[in-house]
């Protein structure tokens, strides 16, 4: 049985990957910050699930406006950005962050295709008993958060 992933011990790695992805892919500096993040009614949440030797999920939560701005940078598109393009862009950013976190996980982990949920009136439950680590980030476009969830084997 694979030992559980010590999420808190990898907080620095999660922060470094996120900062690097935003810098290299978008040319947008972000930094980890403290404090709560409250989703707005126009929030978008990107999700990628991990399976195999380690099971869990990565969620990236931001406003629709942030997803539009990130997508404009990612795809070199001029505004206005369509809602469909914004969802696709957030899905791609979530996928890239999840993929860059994969080397921190045990070998033999696979990624799902990304999915995106629109709005803030929902709940997500990754089946099984979970551990999670949430980091809040701040950039020119405002605050957003990233949550990494682990499914504890056999629970």
Foldseek 3Di string as FASTA:
>chain_A
DDDAQPVVVCPVVLQVLLQVCCCVQQVWGKHWDDDDDDADQFKKKKKKWKDFSWTWMKIKIDGLVVLQNSLCRNVVNDDPDDSVSSQVSNQVSRVSSVVSCVVVDDPTMDMDRMGMDTGDPDDDDDPADKDKDKIWMATPVGIIMMMIITHGPPD
